[in-house]
C-alpha atoms as a PDB file:
ATOM      1  CA  MET A   1     122.786 -87.666   5.650  1.00  0.00           C
ATOM      2  CA  LYS A   2     121.493 -85.743   2.398  1.00  0.00           C
ATOM      3  CA  TYR A   3     120.877 -87.589  -0.929  1.00  0.00           C
ATOM      4  CA  ASP A   4     123.278 -87.325  -3.651  1.00  0.00           C
ATOM      5  CA  PRO A   5     122.178 -88.233  -6.910  1.00  0.00           C
ATOM      6  CA  ASP A   6     125.908 -88.697  -8.637  1.00  0.00           C
ATOM      7  CA  ASN A   7     126.947 -91.269  -5.395  1.00  0.00           C
ATOM      8  CA  HIS A   8     123.600 -93.139  -3.764  1.00  0.00           C
ATOM      9  CA  PRO A   9     122.864 -94.467  -7.419  1.00  0.00           C
ATOM     10  CA  LYS A  10     125.704 -96.238  -8.149  1.00  0.00           C
ATOM     11  CA  LEU A  11     126.487 -97.183  -4.816  1.00  0.00           C
ATOM     12  CA  ALA A  12     122.868 -98.429  -4.180  1.00  0.00           C
ATOM     13  CA  GLU A  13     123.402-100.602  -7.106  1.00  0.00           C
ATOM     14  CA  GLU A  14     127.093-101.970  -6.665  1.00  0.00           C
ATOM     15  CA  ALA A  15     125.198-103.215  -2.703  1.00  0.00           C
ATOM     16  CA  CYS A  16     122.272-104.649  -4.398  1.00  0.00           C
ATOM     17  CA  LYS A  17     124.858-107.036  -7.356  1.00  0.00           C
ATOM     18  CA  ALA A  18     126.493-108.112  -3.972  1.00  0.00           C
ATOM     19  CA  GLY A  19     122.902-109.031  -2.704  1.00  0.00           C
ATOM     20  CA  ALA A  20     122.298-106.493  -0.109  1.00  0.00           C
ATOM     21  CA  THR A  21     119.375-106.219   1.956  1.00  0.00           C
ATOM     22  CA  GLY A  22     117.366-103.155   2.825  1.00  0.00           C
ATOM     23  CA  GLU A  23     119.613-103.266   6.145  1.00  0.00           C
ATOM     24  CA  GLU A  24     123.108-103.690   4.552  1.00  0.00           C
ATOM     25  CA  LEU A  25     122.375-101.606   2.217  1.00  0.00           C
ATOM     26  CA  ALA A  26     121.456 -98.498   4.649  1.00  0.00           C
ATOM     27  CA  LYS A  27     124.536 -99.316   6.528  1.00  0.00           C
ATOM     28  CA  ALA A  28     126.317 -99.415   3.407  1.00  0.00           C
ATOM     29  CA  LEU A  29     125.070 -95.718   2.161  1.00  0.00           C
ATOM     30  CA  GLY A  30     125.469 -94.805   5.955  1.00  0.00           C
ATOM     31  CA  VAL A  31     121.616 -94.197   6.479  1.00  0.00           C
ATOM     32  CA  SER A  32     118.586 -95.685   8.435  1.00  0.00           C
ATOM     33  CA  ARG A  33     116.495 -98.151   6.265  1.00  0.00           C
ATOM     34  CA  ARG A  34     113.665 -96.188   6.398  1.00  0.00           C
ATOM     35  CA  THR A  35     115.709 -93.719   4.708  1.00  0.00           C
ATOM     36  CA  VAL A  36     116.433 -95.824   1.778  1.00  0.00           C
ATOM     37  CA  TYR A  37     113.149 -96.596   1.189  1.00  0.00           C
ATOM     38  CA  ALA A  38     112.197 -93.042   1.401  1.00  0.00           C
ATOM     39  CA  TRP A  39     114.735 -92.183  -1.319  1.00  0.00           C
ATOM     40  CA  MET A  40     113.107 -95.048  -3.541  1.00  0.00           C
ATOM     41  CA  GLU A  41     109.970 -93.551  -3.414  1.00  0.00           C
ATOM     42  CA  THR A  42     111.251 -89.955  -4.275  1.00  0.00           C
ATOM     43  CA  HIS A  43     114.519 -90.420  -6.475  1.00  0.00           C
ATOM     44  CA  VAL A  44     113.445 -92.397  -9.711  1.00  0.00           C
ATOM     45  CA  GLU A  45     117.134 -92.898 -10.422  1.00  0.00           C
ATOM     46  CA  PHE A  46     118.109 -94.386  -6.848  1.00  0.00           C
ATOM     47  CA  PHE A  47     115.126 -96.964  -7.290  1.00  0.00           C
ATOM     48  CA  GLN A  48     115.900 -97.595 -10.942  1.00  0.00           C
ATOM     49  CA  ALA A  49     119.607 -98.482  -9.451  1.00  0.00           C
ATOM     50  CA  VAL A  50     117.928-100.379  -6.712  1.00  0.00           C
ATOM     51  CA  MET A  51     115.747-102.374  -8.694  1.00  0.00           C
ATOM     52  CA  ALA A  52     118.516-103.198 -11.550  1.00  0.00           C
ATOM     53  CA  GLY A  53     121.170-104.286  -8.564  1.00  0.00           C
ATOM     54  CA  ARG A  54     118.347-107.092  -7.153  1.00  0.00           C
ATOM     55  CA  LYS A  55     117.664-108.279 -10.426  1.00  0.00           C
ATOM     56  CA  ILE A  56     120.777-109.477 -11.370  1.00  0.00           C
ATOM     57  CA  VAL A  57     120.791-111.422  -8.393  1.00  0.00           C
ATOM     58  CA  GLU A  58     117.368-112.621  -8.872  1.00  0.00           C
ATOM     59  CA  ASP A  59     117.999-113.945 -12.154  1.00  0.00           C
ATOM     60  CA  ILE A  60     120.927-115.625 -10.973  1.00  0.00           C
ATOM     61  CA  VAL A  61     119.178-117.486  -8.389  1.00  0.00           C
ATOM     62  CA  GLU A  62     116.519-118.075 -10.951  1.00  0.00           C
ATOM     63  CA  ASN A  63     118.880-119.588 -13.192  1.00  0.00           C
ATOM     64  CA  LYS A  64     120.373-121.818 -10.127  1.00  0.00           C
ATOM     65  CA  MET A  65     117.013-122.916  -9.367  1.00  0.00           C
ATOM     66  CA  PHE A  66     115.939-123.724 -12.672  1.00  0.00           C
ATOM     67  CA  VAL A  67     118.991-125.845 -12.968  1.00  0.00           C
ATOM     68  CA  ARG A  68     118.583-127.600  -9.837  1.00  0.00           C
ATOM     69  CA  ALA A  69     114.580-128.133 -10.328  1.00  0.00           C
ATOM     70  CA  LYS A  70     115.609-129.767 -13.766  1.00  0.00           C
ATOM     71  CA  GLY A  71     117.963-132.292 -12.891  1.00  0.00           C
ATOM     72  CA  MET A  72     121.504-130.671 -14.334  1.00  0.00           C
ATOM     73  CA  ILE A  73     124.593-131.857 -13.197  1.00  0.00           C
ATOM     74  CA  PHE A  74     128.112-131.213 -13.957  1.00  0.00           C
ATOM     75  CA  THR A  75     131.220-131.798 -12.724  1.00  0.00           C
ATOM     76  CA  GLU A  76     133.780-129.367 -12.254  1.00  0.00           C
ATOM     77  CA  ILE A  77     137.210-130.369 -12.612  1.00  0.00           C
ATOM     78  CA  LYS A  78     140.198-127.782 -11.022  1.00  0.00           C
ATOM     79  CA  ILE A  79     143.860-129.258 -12.264  1.00  0.00           C
ATOM     80  CA  VAL A  80     146.654-128.722  -9.828  1.00  0.00           C
ATOM     81  CA  THR A  81     150.176-129.305 -11.490  1.00  0.00           C
ATOM     82  CA  SER A  82     153.887-129.748 -10.620  1.00  0.00           C
ATOM     83  CA  GLN A  83     157.280-130.299 -11.818  1.00  0.00           C
ATOM     84  CA  THR A  84     156.481-133.910 -11.539  1.00  0.00           C
ATOM     85  CA  THR A  85     152.630-134.704 -11.933  1.00  0.00           C
ATOM     86  CA  VAL A  86     149.488-133.489 -12.134  1.00  0.00           C
ATOM     87  CA  MET A  87     146.750-133.979 -10.169  1.00  0.00           C
ATOM     88  CA  GLY A  88     142.959-133.697 -11.288  1.00  0.00           C
ATOM     89  CA  VAL A  89     140.430-132.845  -8.829  1.00  0.00           C
ATOM     90  CA  GLY A  90     136.635-133.686  -9.790  1.00  0.00           C
ATOM     91  CA  GLY A  91     133.625-135.753  -9.145  1.00  0.00           C
ATOM     92  CA  ASP A  92     136.121-138.281  -8.503  1.00  0.00           C
ATOM     93  CA  GLY A  93     137.983-137.407  -6.071  1.00  0.00           C
ATOM     94  CA  VAL A  94     141.785-136.894  -6.522  1.00  0.00           C
ATOM     95  CA  LYS A  95     143.471-138.542  -9.729  1.00  0.00           C
ATOM     96  CA  GLU A  96     147.174-138.342 -10.325  1.00  0.00           C
ATOM     97  CA  LEU A  97     147.558-137.902 -14.140  1.00  0.00           C
ATOM     98  CA  ARG A  98     150.310-138.839 -16.010  1.00  0.00           C
ATOM     99  CA  ARG A  99     152.279-135.868 -17.212  1.00  0.00           C
ATOM    100  CA  ARG A 100     153.665-136.540 -21.271  1.00  0.00           C
END
């Protein structure tokens, strides 16, 4: 497959934002892993797109590791409603809340 400067960088960045490995990126682009790395060496815009996509994922992972290392704990609450009751689902399990 011939390199397309209008499409391949965009596709590569999106795949990398989704956490694609080199092998998965190659599969998404319909080329071999060797071709992906060759394109990264010869096409600056492709290299920059791959790095930009990976940077986003790295930042997310880095932030999650930092939060975990600091011991920050939070409770996520999901509210489920029906006509007669409201249920709160959170760190303490499921609780029935009074409807006003």
